[in-house]
Amino acid sequence: MNPKIALLKALAEFQFNISSRQIPSIPKRDVCLVASLMKRRQVAKGELILNVGEVLQDIIIIEKGIVRQFYYKNGLDITEQFSSEGQYVVCIESLLLKKPTNLMIEALEPTTFYTIRFCDLEKLLDKSISLLNLYRYFAENNLIFTQYKADAMRFESSATRYAKFIKQFPEAAKRASVKHIASYLLMTPESLSRVRSKLSQKDKK
């Protein structure tokens, strides 16, 4: 299978796993059109793919490696999102409104990814109802996941939040640092270490 198409398939499967909602059917021709827009890039560990003040013009799909989206608040480094193989990352406000972003995207490992220029994708959406339906599916899933995360921060214990994080993002749980995972879960590294220790002891029983 074409590696670009294989990556798009993995991306769709991850989206299904988020919400369990049926993925819209897409003709192979339309999938190939999207694949034709994809451009491959590689970055080193620690390199910023997007920096504060830049305008994001692309959808970023990870082929190999892991990245995080983060920002600074009151001097604290706060992780907003992790994305690894078969997942995408965007700064929605910057992408849609063409505004300079307050967020950064950093490679946590040597990372290979594909970009899709959003203005080119929009032209395809104007011509294909199936792609437009898929785009809507992704947008709705993004809203669903944002609500899931907000509710978790409001109502769930730190242990429950971490347990769900492991299930939803197993690669990030294994490969990201305690500091970055803790900031994503709005916990201190010390609190996260205690939660992990308790879960580990539970698993041994």
Protein backbone atom coordinates (compact mmCIF):
# COMPACT_ATOMS: atom_id res chain seq x y z
CA MET A 1 0.00 0.00 0.00
CA ASN A 2 1.15 3.54 -0.75
CA PRO A 3 2.68 4.86 2.53
CA LYS A 4 0.67 8.08 2.32
CA ILE A 5 -2.60 6.18 1.94
CA ALA A 6 -1.58 3.79 4.74
CA LEU A 7 -0.99 6.79 7.00
CA LEU A 8 -4.37 8.30 6.11
CA LYS A 9 -5.99 4.95 6.93
CA ALA A 10 -4.23 4.88 10.33
CA LEU A 11 -5.39 8.44 10.97
CA ALA A 12 -9.01 7.48 10.27
CA GLU A 13 -8.74 4.44 12.56
CA PHE A 14 -7.45 6.59 15.42
CA GLN A 15 -10.35 8.99 14.94
CA PHE A 16 -12.78 6.06 15.13
CA ASN A 17 -11.14 4.92 18.38
CA ILE A 18 -11.73 8.36 19.93
CA SER A 19 -15.48 8.38 19.45
CA SER A 20 -16.54 4.95 18.04
CA ARG A 21 -18.55 6.88 15.44
CA GLN A 22 -18.80 5.33 11.98
CA ILE A 23 -16.24 6.78 9.57
CA PRO A 24 -17.79 8.20 6.37
CA SER A 25 -17.06 6.15 3.25
CA ILE A 26 -14.52 7.77 0.92
CA PRO A 27 -13.93 6.77 -2.72
CA LYS A 28 -10.37 5.64 -3.42
CA ARG A 29 -10.01 8.43 -5.98
CA ASP A 30 -10.62 11.06 -3.28
CA VAL A 31 -8.16 9.40 -0.91
CA CYS A 32 -5.54 9.53 -3.66
CA LEU A 33 -6.26 13.22 -4.23
CA VAL A 34 -5.61 13.96 -0.55
CA ALA A 35 -2.45 11.83 -0.65
CA SER A 36 -1.21 13.87 -3.61
CA LEU A 37 -1.20 16.98 -1.39
CA MET A 38 0.99 15.40 1.30
CA LYS A 39 4.60 16.59 1.61
CA ARG A 40 7.13 14.76 3.78
CA ARG A 41 9.38 16.45 6.35
CA GLN A 42 11.83 15.35 9.01
CA VAL A 43 12.89 17.19 12.17
CA ALA A 44 15.33 16.47 14.98
CA LYS A 45 14.45 15.89 18.62
CA GLY A 46 13.73 19.20 20.32
CA GLU A 47 13.10 21.06 17.06
CA LEU A 48 10.06 23.34 16.88
CA ILE A 49 7.72 22.62 13.99
CA LEU A 50 5.66 25.69 14.90
CA ASN A 51 6.67 28.64 17.08
CA VAL A 52 4.81 31.44 18.84
CA GLY A 53 3.81 34.23 16.45
CA GLU A 54 3.76 32.04 13.35
CA VAL A 55 0.62 31.32 11.33
CA LEU A 56 -0.05 27.62 10.82
CA GLN A 57 -0.90 26.86 7.19
CA ASP A 58 -0.75 23.06 7.25
CA ILE A 59 -2.38 20.03 8.80
CA ILE A 60 0.44 17.93 10.26
CA ILE A 61 0.20 14.10 10.24
CA ILE A 62 2.83 12.10 12.12
CA GLU A 63 4.40 9.16 10.27
CA LYS A 64 7.13 8.32 12.82
CA GLY A 65 7.98 9.94 16.14
CA ILE A 66 6.03 11.95 18.66
CA VAL A 67 5.33 15.66 19.10
CA ARG A 68 3.63 17.82 21.66
CA GLN A 69 1.68 21.06 21.39
CA PHE A 70 2.40 23.39 24.31
CA TYR A 71 2.38 26.95 25.63
CA TYR A 72 3.76 29.02 28.47
CA LYS A 73 1.54 30.50 31.18
CA ASN A 74 2.92 32.41 34.16
CA GLY A 75 6.32 30.95 33.42
CA LEU A 76 5.03 27.37 33.35
CA ASP A 77 5.38 25.03 30.38
CA ILE A 78 1.96 23.43 29.78
CA THR A 79 1.39 20.60 27.30
CA GLU A 80 -1.87 20.86 25.37
CA GLN A 81 -1.67 17.76 23.19
CA PHE A 82 0.48 14.78 22.20
CA SER A 83 0.49 13.29 18.70
CA SER A 84 2.35 10.16 17.60
CA GLU A 85 2.22 7.77 14.63
CA GLY A 86 -1.07 7.94 12.72
CA GLN A 87 -2.27 11.07 14.50
CA TYR A 88 -2.51 14.69 13.43
CA VAL A 89 -1.82 18.00 15.11
CA VAL A 90 -3.09 21.50 14.30
CA CYS A 91 -3.58 24.82 16.05
CA ILE A 92 -7.22 25.32 15.12
CA GLU A 93 -7.48 29.07 15.69
CA SER A 94 -4.31 29.85 13.75
CA LEU A 95 -5.19 27.49 10.90
CA LEU A 96 -8.79 28.62 10.38
CA LEU A 97 -8.49 32.32 11.21
CA LYS A 98 -4.97 32.74 9.81
CA LYS A 99 -3.85 34.31 13.09
CA PRO A 100 -0.40 34.16 14.72
CA THR A 101 -0.46 31.34 17.26
CA ASN A 102 0.32 31.36 20.97
CA LEU A 103 1.10 27.63 20.80
CA MET A 104 4.23 25.71 19.86
CA ILE A 105 4.72 22.25 18.39
CA GLU A 106 7.88 20.44 19.48
CA ALA A 107 9.35 17.11 18.36
CA LEU A 108 10.01 14.93 21.41
CA GLU A 109 11.93 12.45 19.23
CA PRO A 110 13.42 12.55 15.73
CA THR A 111 10.14 12.84 13.82
CA THR A 112 8.95 12.29 10.27
CA PHE A 113 5.64 13.83 9.30
CA TYR A 114 3.53 14.88 6.34
CA THR A 115 1.95 18.27 5.82
CA ILE A 116 -1.21 19.09 3.89
CA ARG A 117 -1.55 22.74 2.91
CA PHE A 118 -4.98 23.71 4.22
CA CYS A 119 -5.87 26.08 1.37
CA ASP A 120 -5.25 23.22 -1.11
CA LEU A 121 -7.39 20.86 0.96
CA GLU A 122 -10.22 23.42 0.98
CA LYS A 123 -10.25 23.36 -2.83
CA LEU A 124 -10.77 19.59 -2.73
CA LEU A 125 -13.55 19.95 -0.16
CA ASP A 126 -15.39 22.28 -2.55
CA LYS A 127 -15.39 19.53 -5.19
CA SER A 128 -16.06 16.39 -3.13
CA ILE A 129 -19.03 15.83 -0.83
CA SER A 130 -17.39 12.66 0.55
CA LEU A 131 -14.26 14.58 1.59
CA LEU A 132 -16.42 17.34 3.03
CA ASN A 133 -18.27 14.75 5.13
CA LEU A 134 -14.95 13.32 6.33
CA TYR A 135 -13.70 16.80 7.21
CA ARG A 136 -16.87 17.40 9.22
CA TYR A 137 -16.37 14.02 10.94
CA PHE A 138 -12.84 15.04 12.00
CA ALA A 139 -14.04 18.47 13.17
CA GLU A 140 -16.84 16.93 15.23
CA ASN A 141 -14.44 14.40 16.75
CA ASN A 142 -12.16 17.25 17.73
CA LEU A 143 -15.06 18.93 19.56
CA ILE A 144 -16.00 15.65 21.25
CA PHE A 145 -12.46 15.05 22.45
CA THR A 146 -12.13 18.65 23.69
CA GLN A 147 -15.29 18.13 25.74
CA TYR A 148 -14.00 14.79 27.08
CA LYS A 149 -10.79 16.46 28.23
CA ALA A 150 -12.57 19.44 29.81
CA ASP A 151 -14.95 17.15 31.71
CA ALA A 152 -12.06 14.99 32.90
CA MET A 153 -10.26 18.02 34.34
CA ARG A 154 -13.45 19.20 36.05
CA PHE A 155 -14.89 16.00 37.45
CA GLU A 156 -12.37 13.14 37.52
CA SER A 157 -9.67 12.21 40.01
CA SER A 158 -6.02 12.40 39.01
CA ALA A 159 -5.82 8.58 39.00
CA THR A 160 -8.81 8.28 36.64
CA ARG A 161 -7.41 10.96 34.33
CA TYR A 162 -4.09 9.17 34.09
CA ALA A 163 -5.73 5.76 33.52
CA LYS A 164 -7.75 7.21 30.63
CA PHE A 165 -4.65 8.92 29.25
CA ILE A 166 -2.81 5.58 29.13
CA LYS A 167 -5.71 4.02 27.23
CA GLN A 168 -6.19 6.89 24.76
CA PHE A 169 -2.52 7.73 24.19
CA PRO A 170 -0.46 4.61 25.00
CA GLU A 171 2.52 5.79 22.96
CA ALA A 172 2.67 9.17 24.68
CA ALA A 173 2.35 7.44 28.06
CA LYS A 174 5.44 5.34 27.24
CA ARG A 175 7.55 7.90 25.39
CA ALA A 176 6.82 11.35 26.82
CA SER A 177 8.48 12.64 29.99
CA VAL A 178 6.75 12.65 33.38
CA LYS A 179 6.99 16.45 33.35
CA HIS A 180 5.15 16.79 30.04
CA ILE A 181 2.48 14.21 30.87
CA ALA A 182 1.89 15.84 34.26
CA SER A 183 1.39 19.27 32.68
CA TYR A 184 -1.05 17.78 30.15
CA LEU A 185 -3.09 16.29 33.01
CA LEU A 186 -2.80 19.53 35.04
CA MET A 187 -0.86 17.73 37.77
CA THR A 188 2.56 18.22 39.32
CA PRO A 189 5.26 15.69 38.39
CA GLU A 190 5.30 14.58 42.03
CA SER A 191 1.54 13.92 42.00
CA LEU A 192 1.81 11.96 38.77
CA SER A 193 4.67 9.86 40.15
CA ARG A 194 2.50 8.96 43.16
CA VAL A 195 -0.41 8.02 40.89
CA ARG A 196 1.83 5.84 38.72
CA SER A 197 3.30 4.16 41.78
CA LYS A 198 -0.15 3.31 43.15
CA LEU A 199 -1.31 1.94 39.79
CA SER A 200 1.85 -0.15 39.52
CA GLN A 201 1.29 -1.63 42.98
CA LYS A 202 -2.32 -2.39 42.05
CA ASP A 203 -1.23 -4.23 38.92
CA LYS A 204 1.15 -6.42 40.94
CA LYS A 205 -1.62 -7.66 43.23
